[in-house]
Amino acid sequence: MVQKIPPSMTQSGLPPKYLVGFDTSRDPTVPTKRVVVSPGSCRSQLDDTDIKLTAGMMKRLDQNWAAGSGNGALDQGSLAASTWYHLHVMQNPTTGAVDVLASGSLTNPAYPAGWEESPSRRVWSVLTDASANIIPYTQTEDWCAWGALSTEYTGNLGASSTVITMKSPIGFKCEVQALILVSTGGGEVGLMDPDSGDPGTGRFYTMGVKPAADTWGYRGSVMTDVNSRVVGWAVANMNSSVQTVGYWDRRSKR
C-alpha cells in the first residue's frame, strides 16, 4: 500500500533556524555610522524561505533605507542615542533581491515600500552611545567583544540582591561574560540569572570566593533575563564593580 506523505511532514530548503555567515563589523571608513554585513545564508524567521546574501553589503545607519550596498539602512526615524539597532536580512517577495534593514524592533521592522511581505531574519544587533555613534565591537561568529570594558555597577554588593543591567541586547536571554572586581570584604560573591531564583538561598550564580585581605577579580559567564539584567549578590558587604566584557548572541539558531 502506498501512503501519501502530508506536506507538513516534508522539509524543503534549509533546516529551521539555520544561519551561516552574516558576520558584521563597523565600516573602516566611517565606523561610527556604518556597518558591513558579510555574505551568508539563513532560514527566515517564520521558517518559510531561504535567504542568501551572496556579496557583502555596507549599510548606513544614519540614513533611511535605500536598496543596495553603500545606501541607508534605517527603517524609520533618525539614528538615536543609547539605542539598540537590530540588523535584519530581508528578501523582496517579488524580485527576490536580498538587502539589510536596521530597526529598533527585534522582530517587527518597518519594511520599506515594495518589501512589506518580505521574509526576514535578525542577524545581529549594534548599540549606539550618547552621541548616536555605533559603539566599537568585534564580532566573531556568535561572540561579541566590546572594544572597551563597560562598567555597569559600582557599589557595595551584599546579602540583599542587587539588580544590574549588563551591556547586551534587550528582548532575549543572553549569555554575557562579566568581570567582577572587589576591593573590600571577604567571602562568596557573584552574579546570577534573575530567572533562577533567590541568590541568598539557591546559590545559582557565577561565583568566586574572595580572601578578605586581597583585592580580587573574577571573570565568568552568566545568563541575563530578557531585559539584559543579572543579579549581584555577596555573603557580606563588598565594595565591587561589575563590567561587561562581551556576550554571545546565538542569533536564534537554537
C-alpha atoms as a PDB file:
ATOM      1  CA  MET A   1       0.000   0.000   0.000  1.00  0.00           C
ATOM      2  CA  VAL A   2       1.353   3.435  -0.933  1.00  0.00           C
ATOM      3  CA  GLN A   3       0.609   6.147   1.598  1.00  0.00           C
ATOM      4  CA  LYS A   4       0.798   9.816   0.676  1.00  0.00           C
ATOM      5  CA  ILE A   5       3.013  11.901   2.973  1.00  0.00           C
ATOM      6  CA  PRO A   6       1.328  15.129   4.082  1.00  0.00           C
ATOM      7  CA  PRO A   7       3.192  18.334   3.083  1.00  0.00           C
ATOM      8  CA  SER A   8       3.530  19.224   6.758  1.00  0.00           C
ATOM      9  CA  MET A   9       5.834  16.214   7.189  1.00  0.00           C
ATOM     10  CA  THR A  10       8.272  17.247   4.481  1.00  0.00           C
ATOM     11  CA  GLN A  11      11.027  19.838   4.634  1.00  0.00           C
ATOM     12  CA  SER A  12      12.304  21.871   1.727  1.00  0.00           C
ATOM     13  CA  GLY A  13      15.176  24.319   1.770  1.00  0.00           C
ATOM     14  CA  LEU A  14      17.472  24.986   4.713  1.00  0.00           C
ATOM     15  CA  PRO A  15      16.716  23.473   8.147  1.00  0.00           C
ATOM     16  CA  PRO A  16      14.701  25.553  10.636  1.00  0.00           C
ATOM     17  CA  LYS A  17      16.784  28.204  12.464  1.00  0.00           C
ATOM     18  CA  TYR A  18      19.735  27.621  10.115  1.00  0.00           C
ATOM     19  CA  LEU A  19      22.207  30.507   9.851  1.00  0.00           C
ATOM     20  CA  VAL A  20      25.751  30.645   8.480  1.00  0.00           C
ATOM     21  CA  GLY A  21      27.749  33.795   7.805  1.00  0.00           C
ATOM     22  CA  PHE A  22      26.296  37.305   8.168  1.00  0.00           C
ATOM     23  CA  ASP A  23      29.252  38.403  10.288  1.00  0.00           C
ATOM     24  CA  THR A  24      29.237  42.145  10.846  1.00  0.00           C
ATOM     25  CA  SER A  25      31.788  44.850  11.518  1.00  0.00           C
ATOM     26  CA  ARG A  26      31.950  48.600  11.670  1.00  0.00           C
ATOM     27  CA  ASP A  27      32.906  50.102   8.331  1.00  0.00           C
ATOM     28  CA  PRO A  28      36.605  51.141   8.454  1.00  0.00           C
ATOM     29  CA  THR A  29      35.923  54.402   6.578  1.00  0.00           C
ATOM     30  CA  VAL A  30      33.093  55.709   8.794  1.00  0.00           C
ATOM     31  CA  PRO A  31      32.948  53.268  11.726  1.00  0.00           C
ATOM     32  CA  THR A  32      30.626  55.421  13.831  1.00  0.00           C
ATOM     33  CA  LYS A  33      27.656  55.251  11.449  1.00  0.00           C
ATOM     34  CA  ARG A  34      28.164  52.388   9.005  1.00  0.00           C
ATOM     35  CA  VAL A  35      28.075  48.599   9.271  1.00  0.00           C
ATOM     36  CA  VAL A  36      29.373  45.938   6.888  1.00  0.00           C
ATOM     37  CA  VAL A  37      27.482  42.628   6.663  1.00  0.00           C
ATOM     38  CA  SER A  38      29.300  39.643   5.142  1.00  0.00           C
ATOM     39  CA  PRO A  39      27.658  37.089   2.792  1.00  0.00           C
ATOM     40  CA  GLY A  40      25.539  34.430   4.458  1.00  0.00           C
ATOM     41  CA  SER A  41      22.633  32.015   4.249  1.00  0.00           C
ATOM     42  CA  CYS A  42      19.783  31.514   6.693  1.00  0.00           C
ATOM     43  CA  ARG A  43      16.254  30.260   7.113  1.00  0.00           C
ATOM     44  CA  SER A  44      13.754  33.070   7.581  1.00  0.00           C
ATOM     45  CA  GLN A  45      12.332  33.958  10.992  1.00  0.00           C
ATOM     46  CA  LEU A  46       8.990  32.309  10.108  1.00  0.00           C
ATOM     47  CA  ASP A  47      10.703  29.228   8.610  1.00  0.00           C
ATOM     48  CA  ASP A  48       9.153  29.799   5.192  1.00  0.00           C
ATOM     49  CA  THR A  49      12.042  30.946   2.972  1.00  0.00           C
ATOM     50  CA  ASP A  50      15.783  30.562   2.443  1.00  0.00           C
ATOM     51  CA  ILE A  51      17.575  33.925   2.421  1.00  0.00           C
ATOM     52  CA  LYS A  52      21.002  34.154   0.789  1.00  0.00           C
ATOM     53  CA  LEU A  53      23.180  37.250   0.635  1.00  0.00           C
ATOM     54  CA  THR A  54      25.792  36.433  -1.992  1.00  0.00           C
ATOM     55  CA  ALA A  55      28.005  39.524  -1.610  1.00  0.00           C
ATOM     56  CA  GLY A  56      28.987  41.656   1.356  1.00  0.00           C
ATOM     57  CA  MET A  57      26.979  44.813   1.921  1.00  0.00           C
ATOM     58  CA  MET A  58      27.795  48.109   3.640  1.00  0.00           C
ATOM     59  CA  LYS A  59      24.795  49.967   5.062  1.00  0.00           C
ATOM     60  CA  ARG A  60      24.489  53.425   6.641  1.00  0.00           C
ATOM     61  CA  LEU A  61      22.594  53.590   9.923  1.00  0.00           C
ATOM     62  CA  ASP A  62      22.384  57.381   9.781  1.00  0.00           C
ATOM     63  CA  GLN A  63      20.214  57.318   6.647  1.00  0.00           C
ATOM     64  CA  ASN A  64      16.816  55.848   5.901  1.00  0.00           C
ATOM     65  CA  TRP A  65      16.795  52.616   3.949  1.00  0.00           C
ATOM     66  CA  ALA A  66      17.548  52.513   0.242  1.00  0.00           C
ATOM     67  CA  ALA A  67      18.336  49.391  -1.755  1.00  0.00           C
ATOM     68  CA  GLY A  68      21.916  48.327  -2.267  1.00  0.00           C
ATOM     69  CA  SER A  69      25.319  48.465  -0.669  1.00  0.00           C
ATOM     70  CA  GLY A  70      26.507  51.918   0.369  1.00  0.00           C
ATOM     71  CA  ASN A  71      22.990  53.192   0.997  1.00  0.00           C
ATOM     72  CA  GLY A  72      20.835  53.777   4.074  1.00  0.00           C
ATOM     73  CA  ALA A  73      19.678  51.033   6.425  1.00  0.00           C
ATOM     74  CA  LEU A  74      17.313  52.632   8.957  1.00  0.00           C
ATOM     75  CA  ASP A  75      13.674  51.571   8.671  1.00  0.00           C
ATOM     76  CA  GLN A  76      12.222  54.770  10.112  1.00  0.00           C
ATOM     77  CA  GLY A  77      13.103  57.907  12.056  1.00  0.00           C
ATOM     78  CA  SER A  78      16.630  59.084  12.803  1.00  0.00           C
ATOM     79  CA  LEU A  79      19.561  57.322  14.413  1.00  0.00           C
ATOM     80  CA  ALA A  80      19.087  57.751  18.158  1.00  0.00           C
ATOM     81  CA  ALA A  81      21.492  57.815  21.091  1.00  0.00           C
ATOM     82  CA  SER A  82      21.938  54.889  23.511  1.00  0.00           C
ATOM     83  CA  THR A  83      19.719  52.608  21.419  1.00  0.00           C
ATOM     84  CA  TRP A  84      19.960  49.025  20.201  1.00  0.00           C
ATOM     85  CA  TYR A  85      19.504  48.610  16.452  1.00  0.00           C
ATOM     86  CA  HIS A  86      18.804  45.171  15.051  1.00  0.00           C
ATOM     87  CA  LEU A  87      20.117  44.207  11.622  1.00  0.00           C
ATOM     88  CA  HIS A  88      17.646  42.160   9.577  1.00  0.00           C
ATOM     89  CA  VAL A  89      18.345  40.482   6.249  1.00  0.00           C
ATOM     90  CA  MET A  90      15.227  40.542   4.090  1.00  0.00           C
ATOM     91  CA  GLN A  91      14.205  39.170   0.713  1.00  0.00           C
ATOM     92  CA  ASN A  92      11.925  41.081  -1.662  1.00  0.00           C
ATOM     93  CA  PRO A  93       8.836  38.885  -2.225  1.00  0.00           C
ATOM     94  CA  THR A  94       8.527  39.970  -5.860  1.00  0.00           C
ATOM     95  CA  THR A  95      12.072  40.351  -7.185  1.00  0.00           C
ATOM     96  CA  GLY A  96      13.942  38.003  -4.832  1.00  0.00           C
ATOM     97  CA  ALA A  97      16.520  40.729  -4.077  1.00  0.00           C
ATOM     98  CA  VAL A  98      18.177  40.500  -0.640  1.00  0.00           C
ATOM     99  CA  ASP A  99      19.109  43.533   1.442  1.00  0.00           C
ATOM    100  CA  VAL A 100      19.780  44.614   5.032  1.00  0.00           C
ATOM    101  CA  LEU A 101      17.457  46.710   7.199  1.00  0.00           C
ATOM    102  CA  ALA A 102      18.268  48.273  10.586  1.00  0.00           C
ATOM    103  CA  SER A 103      15.441  48.664  13.079  1.00  0.00           C
ATOM    104  CA  GLY A 104      14.806  49.419  16.703  1.00  0.00           C
ATOM    105  CA  SER A 105      12.446  46.443  16.639  1.00  0.00           C
ATOM    106  CA  LEU A 106      13.824  42.996  17.403  1.00  0.00           C
ATOM    107  CA  THR A 107      11.162  41.088  15.471  1.00  0.00           C
ATOM    108  CA  ASN A 108       8.961  43.547  13.547  1.00  0.00           C
ATOM    109  CA  PRO A 109      10.920  46.051  11.474  1.00  0.00           C
ATOM    110  CA  ALA A 110       9.043  48.621   9.397  1.00  0.00           C
ATOM    111  CA  TYR A 111       9.576  47.247   5.892  1.00  0.00           C
ATOM    112  CA  PRO A 112      10.097  49.753   3.060  1.00  0.00           C
ATOM    113  CA  ALA A 113       7.599  50.159   0.218  1.00  0.00           C
ATOM    114  CA  GLY A 114       7.570  47.108  -2.014  1.00  0.00           C
ATOM    115  CA  TRP A 115       9.081  44.902   0.700  1.00  0.00           C
ATOM    116  CA  GLU A 116       6.062  44.744   3.031  1.00  0.00           C
ATOM    117  CA  GLU A 117       5.718  40.950   2.912  1.00  0.00           C
ATOM    118  CA  SER A 118       9.453  40.275   2.977  1.00  0.00           C
ATOM    119  CA  PRO A 119      10.719  37.106   4.664  1.00  0.00           C
ATOM    120  CA  SER A 120      13.426  38.298   7.071  1.00  0.00           C
ATOM    121  CA  ARG A 121      15.760  37.277   9.873  1.00  0.00           C
ATOM    122  CA  ARG A 122      17.647  39.244  12.509  1.00  0.00           C
ATOM    123  CA  VAL A 123      21.341  38.513  12.108  1.00  0.00           C
ATOM    124  CA  TRP A 124      22.982  40.894  14.630  1.00  0.00           C
ATOM    125  CA  SER A 125      22.455  43.940  16.840  1.00  0.00           C
ATOM    126  CA  VAL A 126      24.542  47.071  17.413  1.00  0.00           C
ATOM    127  CA  LEU A 127      24.364  49.690  20.144  1.00  0.00           C
ATOM    128  CA  THR A 128      24.800  53.457  19.889  1.00  0.00           C
ATOM    129  CA  ASP A 129      26.413  55.662  22.519  1.00  0.00           C
ATOM    130  CA  ALA A 130      25.274  59.015  23.934  1.00  0.00           C
ATOM    131  CA  SER A 131      26.333  60.713  20.679  1.00  0.00           C
ATOM    132  CA  ALA A 132      24.434  58.218  18.483  1.00  0.00           C
ATOM    133  CA  ASN A 133      27.674  56.615  17.326  1.00  0.00           C
ATOM    134  CA  ILE A 134      27.981  52.844  16.961  1.00  0.00           C
ATOM    135  CA  ILE A 135      29.898  51.553  19.980  1.00  0.00           C
ATOM    136  CA  PRO A 136      33.109  49.709  18.970  1.00  0.00           C
ATOM    137  CA  TYR A 137      32.785  45.924  18.976  1.00  0.00           C
ATOM    138  CA  THR A 138      34.261  42.861  17.314  1.00  0.00           C
ATOM    139  CA  GLN A 139      32.008  40.027  16.154  1.00  0.00           C
ATOM    140  CA  THR A 140      33.474  36.531  15.849  1.00  0.00           C
ATOM    141  CA  GLU A 141      30.617  34.255  14.715  1.00  0.00           C
ATOM    142  CA  ASP A 142      28.211  34.430  17.691  1.00  0.00           C
ATOM    143  CA  TRP A 143      30.602  36.209  20.077  1.00  0.00           C
ATOM    144  CA  CYS A 144      30.613  39.982  20.560  1.00  0.00           C
ATOM    145  CA  ALA A 145      33.628  41.515  22.316  1.00  0.00           C
ATOM    146  CA  TRP A 146      33.211  45.142  23.320  1.00  0.00           C
ATOM    147  CA  GLY A 147      36.006  47.485  22.256  1.00  0.00           C
ATOM    148  CA  ALA A 148      36.294  48.726  25.844  1.00  0.00           C
ATOM    149  CA  LEU A 149      35.068  47.367  29.139  1.00  0.00           C
ATOM    150  CA  SER A 150      31.803  48.940  30.253  1.00  0.00           C
ATOM    151  CA  THR A 151      31.201  49.456  33.981  1.00  0.00           C
ATOM    152  CA  GLU A 152      27.581  48.622  34.794  1.00  0.00           C
ATOM    153  CA  TYR A 153      27.713  48.821  38.598  1.00  0.00           C
ATOM    154  CA  THR A 154      29.885  50.279  41.335  1.00  0.00           C
ATOM    155  CA  GLY A 155      28.958  49.950  44.992  1.00  0.00           C
ATOM    156  CA  ASN A 156      28.511  47.507  47.836  1.00  0.00           C
ATOM    157  CA  LEU A 157      27.238  44.080  46.846  1.00  0.00           C
ATOM    158  CA  GLY A 158      25.685  42.500  49.895  1.00  0.00           C
ATOM    159  CA  ALA A 159      23.314  39.803  51.080  1.00  0.00           C
ATOM    160  CA  SER A 160      20.357  41.658  49.588  1.00  0.00           C
ATOM    161  CA  SER A 161      20.054  41.148  45.829  1.00  0.00           C
ATOM    162  CA  THR A 162      21.255  43.932  43.519  1.00  0.00           C
ATOM    163  CA  VAL A 163      19.792  44.113  40.002  1.00  0.00           C
ATOM    164  CA  ILE A 164      22.421  45.092  37.419  1.00  0.00           C
ATOM    165  CA  THR A 165      21.750  45.841  33.747  1.00  0.00           C
ATOM    166  CA  MET A 166      24.512  44.458  31.539  1.00  0.00           C
ATOM    167  CA  LYS A 167      25.502  45.680  28.087  1.00  0.00           C
ATOM    168  CA  SER A 168      23.799  43.086  25.890  1.00  0.00           C
ATOM    169  CA  PRO A 169      20.786  43.141  23.537  1.00  0.00           C
ATOM    170  CA  ILE A 170      17.328  43.536  25.051  1.00  0.00           C
ATOM    171  CA  GLY A 171      14.491  41.188  24.112  1.00  0.00           C
ATOM    172  CA  PHE A 172      16.011  37.750  24.647  1.00  0.00           C
ATOM    173  CA  LYS A 173      18.049  35.947  27.271  1.00  0.00           C
ATOM    174  CA  CYS A 174      21.736  36.401  26.598  1.00  0.00           C
ATOM    175  CA  GLU A 175      24.919  34.842  27.946  1.00  0.00           C
ATOM    176  CA  VAL A 176      27.286  37.623  28.965  1.00  0.00           C
ATOM    177  CA  GLN A 177      30.882  37.449  30.066  1.00  0.00           C
ATOM    178  CA  ALA A 178      31.313  39.640  33.120  1.00  0.00           C
ATOM    179  CA  LEU A 179      34.245  40.879  35.186  1.00  0.00           C
ATOM    180  CA  ILE A 180      33.736  41.423  38.921  1.00  0.00           C
ATOM    181  CA  LEU A 181      36.353  43.445  40.797  1.00  0.00           C
ATOM    182  CA  VAL A 182      36.155  43.525  44.606  1.00  0.00           C
ATOM    183  CA  SER A 183      38.306  45.684  46.876  1.00  0.00           C
ATOM    184  CA  THR A 184      36.910  45.111  50.379  1.00  0.00           C
ATOM    185  CA  GLY A 185      35.285  42.327  52.363  1.00  0.00           C
ATOM    186  CA  GLY A 186      35.645  38.580  52.075  1.00  0.00           C
ATOM    187  CA  GLY A 187      33.610  35.503  51.154  1.00  0.00           C
ATOM    188  CA  GLU A 188      31.338  34.443  48.317  1.00  0.00           C
ATOM    189  CA  VAL A 189      30.409  36.955  45.644  1.00  0.00           C
ATOM    190  CA  GLY A 190      28.884  36.577  42.222  1.00  0.00           C
ATOM    191  CA  LEU A 191      26.204  37.140  39.585  1.00  0.00           C
ATOM    192  CA  MET A 192      23.202  35.051  38.624  1.00  0.00           C
ATOM    193  CA  ASP A 193      20.341  34.812  36.162  1.00  0.00           C
ATOM    194  CA  PRO A 194      17.352  36.653  37.699  1.00  0.00           C
ATOM    195  CA  ASP A 195      15.092  33.855  36.454  1.00  0.00           C
ATOM    196  CA  SER A 196      16.970  31.237  38.523  1.00  0.00           C
ATOM    197  CA  GLY A 197      15.597  32.001  41.993  1.00  0.00           C
ATOM    198  CA  ASP A 198      16.798  33.649  45.185  1.00  0.00           C
ATOM    199  CA  PRO A 199      20.612  34.033  45.272  1.00  0.00           C
ATOM    200  CA  GLY A 200      20.508  34.111  49.044  1.00  0.00           C
ATOM    201  CA  THR A 201      19.254  30.533  49.177  1.00  0.00           C
ATOM    202  CA  GLY A 202      19.870  28.930  45.782  1.00  0.00           C
ATOM    203  CA  ARG A 203      23.464  29.959  45.068  1.00  0.00           C
ATOM    204  CA  PHE A 204      22.745  29.584  41.329  1.00  0.00           C
ATOM    205  CA  TYR A 205      25.330  32.094  40.240  1.00  0.00           C
ATOM    206  CA  THR A 206      28.724  32.654  38.651  1.00  0.00           C
ATOM    207  CA  MET A 207      30.711  32.657  41.852  1.00  0.00           C
ATOM    208  CA  GLY A 208      34.099  33.211  43.408  1.00  0.00           C
ATOM    209  CA  VAL A 209      35.383  33.385  46.954  1.00  0.00           C
ATOM    210  CA  LYS A 210      37.408  36.475  47.889  1.00  0.00           C
ATOM    211  CA  PRO A 211      40.019  36.299  50.662  1.00  0.00           C
ATOM    212  CA  ALA A 212      39.337  39.209  53.000  1.00  0.00           C
ATOM    213  CA  ALA A 213      42.878  40.609  52.776  1.00  0.00           C
ATOM    214  CA  ASP A 214      43.108  40.624  48.973  1.00  0.00           C
ATOM    215  CA  THR A 215      41.903  42.783  46.119  1.00  0.00           C
ATOM    216  CA  TRP A 216      40.144  40.287  43.912  1.00  0.00           C
ATOM    217  CA  GLY A 217      38.851  39.886  40.379  1.00  0.00           C
ATOM    218  CA  TYR A 218      36.698  37.186  38.802  1.00  0.00           C
ATOM    219  CA  ARG A 219      35.716  36.732  35.153  1.00  0.00           C
ATOM    220  CA  GLY A 220      32.908  34.384  34.196  1.00  0.00           C
ATOM    221  CA  SER A 221      29.713  33.876  32.215  1.00  0.00           C
ATOM    222  CA  VAL A 222      26.142  34.386  33.376  1.00  0.00           C
ATOM    223  CA  MET A 223      22.718  34.452  31.714  1.00  0.00           C
ATOM    224  CA  THR A 224      20.670  37.625  31.709  1.00  0.00           C
ATOM    225  CA  ASP A 225      16.901  37.903  31.672  1.00  0.00           C
ATOM    226  CA  VAL A 226      15.173  39.292  28.560  1.00  0.00           C
ATOM    227  CA  ASN A 227      15.891  42.831  29.799  1.00  0.00           C
ATOM    228  CA  SER A 228      19.691  42.309  29.989  1.00  0.00           C
ATOM    229  CA  ARG A 229      19.627  42.130  33.773  1.00  0.00           C
ATOM    230  CA  VAL A 230      21.566  39.958  36.198  1.00  0.00           C
ATOM    231  CA  VAL A 231      21.503  39.816  39.981  1.00  0.00           C
ATOM    232  CA  GLY A 232      24.596  40.578  42.035  1.00  0.00           C
ATOM    233  CA  TRP A 233      24.997  39.056  45.464  1.00  0.00           C
ATOM    234  CA  ALA A 234      27.658  38.704  48.163  1.00  0.00           C
ATOM    235  CA  VAL A 235      27.729  36.976  51.517  1.00  0.00           C
ATOM    236  CA  ALA A 236      28.567  40.324  53.177  1.00  0.00           C
ATOM    237  CA  ASN A 237      29.090  43.925  52.090  1.00  0.00           C
ATOM    238  CA  MET A 238      31.848  44.062  49.468  1.00  0.00           C
ATOM    239  CA  ASN A 239      32.849  47.162  47.543  1.00  0.00           C
ATOM    240  CA  SER A 240      32.600  45.950  43.965  1.00  0.00           C
ATOM    241  CA  SER A 241      32.406  46.916  40.321  1.00  0.00           C
ATOM    242  CA  VAL A 242      30.785  44.839  37.571  1.00  0.00           C
ATOM    243  CA  GLN A 243      31.803  45.194  33.929  1.00  0.00           C
ATOM    244  CA  THR A 244      30.617  43.662  30.650  1.00  0.00           C
ATOM    245  CA  VAL A 245      33.416  42.063  28.615  1.00  0.00           C
ATOM    246  CA  GLY A 246      31.125  40.798  25.848  1.00  0.00           C
ATOM    247  CA  TYR A 247      28.268  38.429  25.121  1.00  0.00           C
ATOM    248  CA  TRP A 248      27.134  35.508  22.979  1.00  0.00           C
ATOM    249  CA  ASP A 249      24.289  36.189  20.556  1.00  0.00           C
ATOM    250  CA  ARG A 250      23.136  32.824  19.152  1.00  0.00           C
ATOM    251  CA  ARG A 251      21.016  34.661  16.554  1.00  0.00           C
ATOM    252  CA  SER A 252      18.001  32.369  17.107  1.00  0.00           C
ATOM    253  CA  LYS A 253      19.920  29.294  15.944  1.00  0.00           C
ATOM    254  CA  ARG A 254      18.656  27.364  18.946  1.00  0.00           C
END
